[in-house]
N, C-alpha and C. Protein backbone atom coordinates (compact mmCIF):
# COMPACT_ATOMS: atom_id res chain seq x y z
N MET A 1 183.36 147.39 -8.43
CA MET A 1 183.42 146.32 -9.39
C MET A 1 182.03 145.74 -9.65
N ALA A 2 181.27 145.60 -8.61
CA ALA A 2 179.92 145.06 -8.77
C ALA A 2 179.04 146.03 -9.54
N PHE A 3 179.33 147.32 -9.37
CA PHE A 3 178.53 148.32 -10.07
C PHE A 3 178.74 148.24 -11.58
N THR A 4 179.97 148.02 -12.02
CA THR A 4 180.23 147.95 -13.46
C THR A 4 179.61 146.70 -14.07
N ASP A 5 179.60 145.58 -13.33
CA ASP A 5 178.95 144.37 -13.82
C ASP A 5 177.45 144.61 -13.99
N LYS A 6 176.87 145.28 -13.01
CA LYS A 6 175.45 145.58 -13.07
C LYS A 6 175.16 146.50 -14.25
N LYS A 7 176.02 147.48 -14.47
CA LYS A 7 175.83 148.41 -15.57
C LYS A 7 175.92 147.70 -16.91
N GLU A 8 176.87 146.78 -17.05
CA GLU A 8 177.01 146.02 -18.30
C GLU A 8 175.79 145.13 -18.53
N ASP A 9 175.28 144.52 -17.46
CA ASP A 9 174.07 143.70 -17.59
C ASP A 9 172.88 144.53 -18.03
N LEU A 10 172.76 145.72 -17.44
CA LEU A 10 171.66 146.60 -17.82
C LEU A 10 171.78 147.08 -19.26
N GLN A 11 173.00 147.36 -19.69
CA GLN A 11 173.19 147.78 -21.08
C GLN A 11 172.87 146.65 -22.04
N ALA A 12 173.23 145.42 -21.68
CA ALA A 12 172.89 144.27 -22.52
C ALA A 12 171.38 144.08 -22.59
N GLU A 13 170.69 144.28 -21.46
CA GLU A 13 169.23 144.17 -21.43
C GLU A 13 168.59 145.26 -22.29
N VAL A 14 169.12 146.46 -22.24
CA VAL A 14 168.60 147.56 -23.06
C VAL A 14 168.76 147.22 -24.54
N GLU A 15 169.90 146.70 -24.93
CA GLU A 15 170.12 146.32 -26.33
C GLU A 15 169.17 145.20 -26.76
N ARG A 16 168.93 144.23 -25.88
CA ARG A 16 168.00 143.14 -26.19
C ARG A 16 166.59 143.70 -26.39
N LEU A 17 166.18 144.61 -25.51
CA LEU A 17 164.84 145.20 -25.63
C LEU A 17 164.71 146.07 -26.87
N ARG A 18 165.77 146.78 -27.24
CA ARG A 18 165.73 147.58 -28.46
C ARG A 18 165.59 146.70 -29.70
N ALA A 19 166.30 145.57 -29.70
CA ALA A 19 166.19 144.63 -30.82
C ALA A 19 164.78 144.06 -30.90
N ARG A 20 164.20 143.71 -29.76
CA ARG A 20 162.83 143.17 -29.71
C ARG A 20 161.83 144.24 -30.20
N ASN A 21 162.04 145.47 -29.77
CA ASN A 21 161.17 146.56 -30.20
C ASN A 21 161.25 146.76 -31.71
N ALA A 22 162.44 146.66 -32.28
CA ALA A 22 162.60 146.80 -33.73
C ALA A 22 161.87 145.68 -34.46
N GLU A 23 161.94 144.44 -33.93
CA GLU A 23 161.20 143.32 -34.54
C GLU A 23 159.70 143.58 -34.52
N LEU A 24 159.20 144.03 -33.36
CA LEU A 24 157.76 144.28 -33.24
C LEU A 24 157.31 145.43 -34.14
N GLU A 25 158.12 146.47 -34.25
CA GLU A 25 157.76 147.58 -35.13
C GLU A 25 157.72 147.14 -36.59
N LYS A 26 158.65 146.27 -36.98
CA LYS A 26 158.66 145.77 -38.35
C LYS A 26 157.41 144.91 -38.62
N ALA A 27 157.09 144.01 -37.66
CA ALA A 27 155.90 143.17 -37.81
C ALA A 27 154.64 144.02 -37.83
N ASN A 28 154.60 145.06 -37.00
CA ASN A 28 153.44 145.94 -36.95
C ASN A 28 153.27 146.68 -38.26
N LYS A 29 154.36 147.17 -38.83
CA LYS A 29 154.29 147.88 -40.12
C LYS A 29 153.78 146.95 -41.21
N GLU A 30 154.29 145.71 -41.25
CA GLU A 30 153.82 144.75 -42.25
C GLU A 30 152.34 144.45 -42.04
N PHE A 31 151.91 144.36 -40.78
CA PHE A 31 150.52 144.05 -40.46
C PHE A 31 149.60 145.18 -40.89
N VAL A 32 149.98 146.41 -40.59
CA VAL A 32 149.14 147.56 -40.90
C VAL A 32 149.07 147.80 -42.40
N ASP A 33 150.15 147.54 -43.11
CA ASP A 33 150.18 147.80 -44.55
C ASP A 33 149.46 146.75 -45.38
N ARG A 34 149.09 145.61 -44.79
CA ARG A 34 148.41 144.56 -45.54
C ARG A 34 147.00 144.99 -45.90
N PRO A 35 146.56 144.74 -47.12
CA PRO A 35 145.18 145.05 -47.48
C PRO A 35 144.24 144.04 -46.83
N VAL A 36 143.06 144.52 -46.44
CA VAL A 36 142.05 143.64 -45.85
C VAL A 36 141.15 143.15 -46.98
N PRO A 37 141.13 141.84 -47.28
CA PRO A 37 140.27 141.36 -48.34
C PRO A 37 138.80 141.49 -47.98
N GLN A 38 137.97 141.72 -48.99
CA GLN A 38 136.54 141.87 -48.75
C GLN A 38 135.76 140.98 -49.72
N VAL A 39 134.68 140.40 -49.22
CA VAL A 39 133.79 139.60 -50.04
C VAL A 39 132.38 140.09 -49.76
N GLN A 40 131.72 140.61 -50.75
CA GLN A 40 130.35 141.09 -50.66
C GLN A 40 130.18 142.08 -49.50
N GLY A 41 131.15 142.94 -49.30
CA GLY A 41 131.04 143.95 -48.27
C GLY A 41 131.43 143.48 -46.88
N PHE A 42 131.75 142.22 -46.71
CA PHE A 42 132.12 141.71 -45.40
C PHE A 42 133.60 141.36 -45.41
N SER A 43 134.30 141.75 -44.37
CA SER A 43 135.73 141.46 -44.29
C SER A 43 135.95 139.98 -44.01
N ILE A 44 136.96 139.43 -44.63
CA ILE A 44 137.36 138.06 -44.34
C ILE A 44 138.31 138.13 -43.15
N THR A 45 138.00 137.41 -42.10
CA THR A 45 138.76 137.55 -40.86
C THR A 45 139.80 136.45 -40.70
N ASP A 46 139.97 135.56 -41.67
CA ASP A 46 140.89 134.44 -41.50
C ASP A 46 142.35 134.81 -41.72
N SER A 47 142.64 135.95 -42.31
CA SER A 47 144.02 136.25 -42.65
C SER A 47 144.51 137.55 -42.01
N THR A 48 144.08 137.81 -40.79
CA THR A 48 144.46 139.05 -40.15
C THR A 48 145.45 138.87 -39.02
N GLU A 49 146.08 137.70 -38.92
CA GLU A 49 147.08 137.52 -37.88
C GLU A 49 148.46 137.39 -38.50
N VAL A 50 149.46 137.78 -37.73
CA VAL A 50 150.84 137.70 -38.17
C VAL A 50 151.63 137.03 -37.05
N ARG A 51 152.35 135.96 -37.38
CA ARG A 51 153.19 135.31 -36.37
C ARG A 51 154.45 136.14 -36.20
N ILE A 52 154.75 136.50 -34.97
CA ILE A 52 155.90 137.38 -34.76
C ILE A 52 157.08 136.68 -34.11
N ALA A 53 156.83 135.77 -33.18
CA ALA A 53 157.95 135.13 -32.47
C ALA A 53 157.42 134.00 -31.60
N ASP A 54 158.32 133.37 -30.88
CA ASP A 54 157.96 132.38 -29.88
C ASP A 54 158.31 132.93 -28.52
N ASP A 55 157.50 132.56 -27.50
CA ASP A 55 157.82 133.02 -26.15
C ASP A 55 158.88 132.11 -25.54
N ALA A 56 159.16 132.28 -24.25
CA ALA A 56 160.24 131.55 -23.58
C ALA A 56 160.00 130.04 -23.57
N GLU A 57 158.74 129.61 -23.55
CA GLU A 57 158.42 128.19 -23.54
C GLU A 57 158.36 127.59 -24.94
N GLY A 58 158.53 128.39 -25.97
CA GLY A 58 158.49 127.90 -27.34
C GLY A 58 157.12 127.97 -27.98
N ASN A 59 156.15 128.59 -27.30
CA ASN A 59 154.80 128.74 -27.86
C ASN A 59 154.78 129.92 -28.83
N PRO A 60 154.08 129.78 -29.95
CA PRO A 60 154.04 130.88 -30.91
C PRO A 60 153.24 132.06 -30.39
N ARG A 61 153.65 133.27 -30.78
CA ARG A 61 152.95 134.51 -30.44
C ARG A 61 152.51 135.16 -31.75
N PHE A 62 151.34 135.78 -31.72
CA PHE A 62 150.76 136.37 -32.92
C PHE A 62 150.31 137.80 -32.64
N LEU A 63 150.36 138.64 -33.68
CA LEU A 63 149.69 139.93 -33.67
C LEU A 63 148.34 139.72 -34.34
N TYR A 64 147.28 140.16 -33.70
CA TYR A 64 145.94 139.97 -34.25
C TYR A 64 145.13 141.24 -34.03
N LYS A 65 144.48 141.70 -35.09
CA LYS A 65 143.63 142.88 -35.00
C LYS A 65 142.18 142.46 -34.99
N ILE A 66 141.45 142.88 -33.98
CA ILE A 66 140.04 142.54 -33.82
C ILE A 66 139.22 143.40 -34.80
N ASN A 67 138.42 142.74 -35.63
CA ASN A 67 137.58 143.43 -36.59
C ASN A 67 136.16 142.91 -36.44
N LEU A 68 135.38 143.57 -35.60
CA LEU A 68 134.00 143.15 -35.33
C LEU A 68 133.02 143.85 -36.26
N PRO A 69 131.92 143.19 -36.62
CA PRO A 69 130.88 143.85 -37.42
C PRO A 69 130.12 144.86 -36.57
N PRO A 70 129.28 145.68 -37.19
CA PRO A 70 128.53 146.68 -36.42
C PRO A 70 127.64 146.08 -35.33
N SER A 71 127.12 144.89 -35.54
CA SER A 71 126.26 144.28 -34.53
C SER A 71 127.05 143.49 -33.50
N GLY A 72 128.37 143.51 -33.57
CA GLY A 72 129.19 142.69 -32.68
C GLY A 72 129.56 143.32 -31.37
N GLY A 73 129.14 144.54 -31.11
CA GLY A 73 129.51 145.20 -29.87
C GLY A 73 130.87 145.86 -29.99
N ILE A 74 131.44 146.22 -28.84
CA ILE A 74 132.73 146.92 -28.86
C ILE A 74 133.88 146.05 -28.40
N ASP A 75 133.59 144.92 -27.74
CA ASP A 75 134.69 144.10 -27.25
C ASP A 75 134.28 142.64 -27.15
N ILE A 76 135.29 141.81 -26.97
CA ILE A 76 135.12 140.38 -26.71
C ILE A 76 135.81 140.12 -25.38
N LYS A 77 135.13 139.45 -24.47
CA LYS A 77 135.74 139.15 -23.18
C LYS A 77 136.09 137.67 -23.11
N ILE A 78 137.35 137.41 -22.78
CA ILE A 78 137.83 136.05 -22.56
C ILE A 78 138.52 136.02 -21.22
N ASN A 79 137.98 135.24 -20.31
CA ASN A 79 138.52 135.14 -18.94
C ASN A 79 138.66 136.50 -18.27
N GLY A 80 137.68 137.36 -18.47
CA GLY A 80 137.69 138.67 -17.84
C GLY A 80 138.54 139.71 -18.54
N THR A 81 139.24 139.34 -19.60
CA THR A 81 140.07 140.27 -20.35
C THR A 81 139.29 140.75 -21.57
N SER A 82 139.21 142.06 -21.73
CA SER A 82 138.49 142.63 -22.87
C SER A 82 139.45 142.80 -24.04
N PHE A 83 138.98 142.40 -25.21
CA PHE A 83 139.69 142.61 -26.47
C PHE A 83 138.79 143.51 -27.30
N TYR A 84 139.23 144.75 -27.54
CA TYR A 84 138.38 145.76 -28.15
C TYR A 84 138.48 145.77 -29.67
N HIS A 85 137.36 146.17 -30.30
CA HIS A 85 137.28 146.31 -31.75
C HIS A 85 138.34 147.28 -32.26
N ASP A 86 138.93 146.94 -33.39
CA ASP A 86 139.90 147.78 -34.10
C ASP A 86 141.19 148.01 -33.32
N GLN A 87 141.49 147.11 -32.39
CA GLN A 87 142.75 147.17 -31.65
C GLN A 87 143.59 145.95 -32.00
N GLN A 88 144.89 146.08 -31.87
CA GLN A 88 145.82 145.03 -32.20
C GLN A 88 146.41 144.46 -30.91
N TYR A 89 146.50 143.13 -30.82
CA TYR A 89 146.98 142.48 -29.61
C TYR A 89 148.05 141.46 -29.94
N GLU A 90 148.99 141.29 -29.03
CA GLU A 90 149.97 140.21 -29.12
C GLU A 90 149.47 139.10 -28.21
N ILE A 91 149.10 137.96 -28.82
CA ILE A 91 148.44 136.89 -28.08
C ILE A 91 149.03 135.54 -28.45
N GLY A 92 148.69 134.53 -27.64
CA GLY A 92 149.12 133.17 -27.89
C GLY A 92 148.16 132.44 -28.82
N LEU A 93 148.51 131.21 -29.16
CA LEU A 93 147.74 130.43 -30.13
C LEU A 93 146.33 130.12 -29.64
N ASP A 94 146.18 129.72 -28.38
CA ASP A 94 144.84 129.37 -27.87
C ASP A 94 143.90 130.57 -27.86
N THR A 95 144.41 131.70 -27.42
CA THR A 95 143.59 132.92 -27.42
C THR A 95 143.27 133.34 -28.85
N LEU A 96 144.23 133.19 -29.76
CA LEU A 96 143.99 133.51 -31.17
C LEU A 96 142.85 132.68 -31.73
N ARG A 97 142.88 131.39 -31.46
CA ARG A 97 141.80 130.52 -31.96
C ARG A 97 140.45 130.93 -31.41
N SER A 98 140.40 131.24 -30.12
CA SER A 98 139.14 131.64 -29.50
C SER A 98 138.63 132.95 -30.10
N LEU A 99 139.52 133.93 -30.24
CA LEU A 99 139.11 135.22 -30.79
C LEU A 99 138.64 135.09 -32.24
N LYS A 100 139.37 134.31 -33.04
CA LYS A 100 138.97 134.14 -34.44
C LYS A 100 137.61 133.46 -34.54
N ASP A 101 137.34 132.50 -33.65
CA ASP A 101 136.05 131.83 -33.65
C ASP A 101 134.92 132.81 -33.31
N VAL A 102 135.12 133.61 -32.28
CA VAL A 102 134.09 134.57 -31.88
C VAL A 102 133.87 135.62 -32.96
N VAL A 103 134.95 136.13 -33.55
CA VAL A 103 134.82 137.14 -34.61
C VAL A 103 134.10 136.55 -35.82
N ALA A 104 134.45 135.33 -36.21
CA ALA A 104 133.78 134.69 -37.35
C ALA A 104 132.30 134.49 -37.08
N ARG A 105 131.95 134.08 -35.86
CA ARG A 105 130.53 133.91 -35.52
C ARG A 105 129.79 135.24 -35.51
N CYS A 106 130.45 136.32 -35.09
CA CYS A 106 129.83 137.65 -35.14
C CYS A 106 129.54 138.05 -36.58
N TRP A 107 130.51 137.79 -37.49
CA TRP A 107 130.28 138.13 -38.91
C TRP A 107 129.18 137.28 -39.52
N GLN A 108 129.09 136.00 -39.13
CA GLN A 108 127.99 135.15 -39.64
C GLN A 108 126.66 135.67 -39.15
N HIS A 109 126.61 136.10 -37.88
CA HIS A 109 125.38 136.66 -37.32
C HIS A 109 125.01 137.95 -38.05
N GLU A 110 125.99 138.80 -38.30
CA GLU A 110 125.74 140.04 -39.03
C GLU A 110 125.19 139.76 -40.43
N GLN A 111 125.77 138.76 -41.10
CA GLN A 111 125.32 138.45 -42.45
C GLN A 111 123.91 137.87 -42.43
N SER A 112 123.55 137.09 -41.41
CA SER A 112 122.20 136.54 -41.35
C SER A 112 121.17 137.63 -41.06
N ILE A 113 121.58 138.66 -40.34
CA ILE A 113 120.65 139.76 -40.03
C ILE A 113 120.53 140.74 -41.19
N HIS A 114 121.66 141.19 -41.71
CA HIS A 114 121.67 142.25 -42.72
C HIS A 114 122.06 141.75 -44.10
N GLY A 115 122.11 140.46 -44.27
CA GLY A 115 122.48 139.90 -45.56
C GLY A 115 121.29 139.85 -46.50
N SER A 116 121.20 138.81 -47.29
CA SER A 116 120.10 138.69 -48.25
C SER A 116 118.79 138.43 -47.51
N ASN A 117 117.67 138.60 -48.21
CA ASN A 117 116.35 138.41 -47.62
C ASN A 117 116.13 136.93 -47.36
N GLU A 118 116.07 136.54 -46.10
CA GLU A 118 115.90 135.13 -45.77
C GLU A 118 114.46 134.64 -45.98
N ASN A 119 113.51 135.56 -46.16
CA ASN A 119 112.12 135.18 -46.38
C ASN A 119 111.71 135.32 -47.85
N PHE A 120 112.68 135.31 -48.76
CA PHE A 120 112.40 135.55 -50.16
C PHE A 120 111.44 134.51 -50.75
N TYR A 121 111.60 133.24 -50.39
CA TYR A 121 110.78 132.18 -50.97
C TYR A 121 109.52 131.86 -50.17
N ARG A 122 109.29 132.55 -49.08
CA ARG A 122 108.08 132.31 -48.30
C ARG A 122 106.91 133.09 -48.88
N ARG A 123 105.74 132.51 -48.75
CA ARG A 123 104.53 133.19 -49.21
C ARG A 123 104.26 134.39 -48.31
N PRO A 124 104.04 135.56 -48.90
CA PRO A 124 103.77 136.73 -48.05
C PRO A 124 102.44 136.59 -47.32
N THR A 125 102.40 137.01 -46.11
CA THR A 125 101.17 136.96 -45.31
C THR A 125 100.77 138.36 -44.93
N GLU A 126 99.47 138.54 -44.81
CA GLU A 126 98.96 139.82 -44.36
C GLU A 126 98.40 139.62 -42.97
N ARG A 127 99.15 140.05 -42.01
CA ARG A 127 98.72 139.88 -40.62
C ARG A 127 98.09 141.17 -40.14
N VAL A 128 96.89 141.04 -39.58
CA VAL A 128 96.17 142.20 -39.09
C VAL A 128 95.71 141.87 -37.68
N LEU A 129 96.00 142.72 -36.76
CA LEU A 129 95.51 142.56 -35.40
C LEU A 129 94.23 143.37 -35.25
N ARG A 130 93.17 142.69 -34.82
CA ARG A 130 91.89 143.36 -34.67
C ARG A 130 91.47 143.29 -33.20
N GLY A 131 90.98 144.34 -32.72
CA GLY A 131 90.57 144.39 -31.33
C GLY A 131 89.10 144.15 -31.10
N ASN A 132 88.31 143.89 -32.17
CA ASN A 132 86.87 143.74 -32.00
C ASN A 132 86.44 142.29 -31.90
N GLY A 133 87.36 141.33 -31.81
CA GLY A 133 86.99 139.95 -31.58
C GLY A 133 86.74 139.13 -32.84
N ARG A 134 86.93 139.61 -34.01
CA ARG A 134 86.70 138.84 -35.22
C ARG A 134 87.84 137.96 -35.57
């Protein structure tokens, strides 16, 4: 008798997990199929998260894809956990805010390095290093 109760509980758990998997696959398909907006060759990183559900405590969970610029390295580390470029993660709201902040700062840094000429209005100088003491 105890075995059949256990079997029914396991079957109910399997059905619950299958339903959760179907929800995640649907959210993942919607996430992957979304076009990534671009402005002047740089991706806009503000609209790359999808809210999928709430956890047991009622906190929202999000799918977020890390999109780092070429100068941003390969990962972002938060509390010893690596979040790699071009990977998708299911994360909470606090981690989402931190990741979005770091990614946005990486894109700002990339734009300041490889963007427009920041010395355009400065007078050009001719610097010459001479070794003869003049």
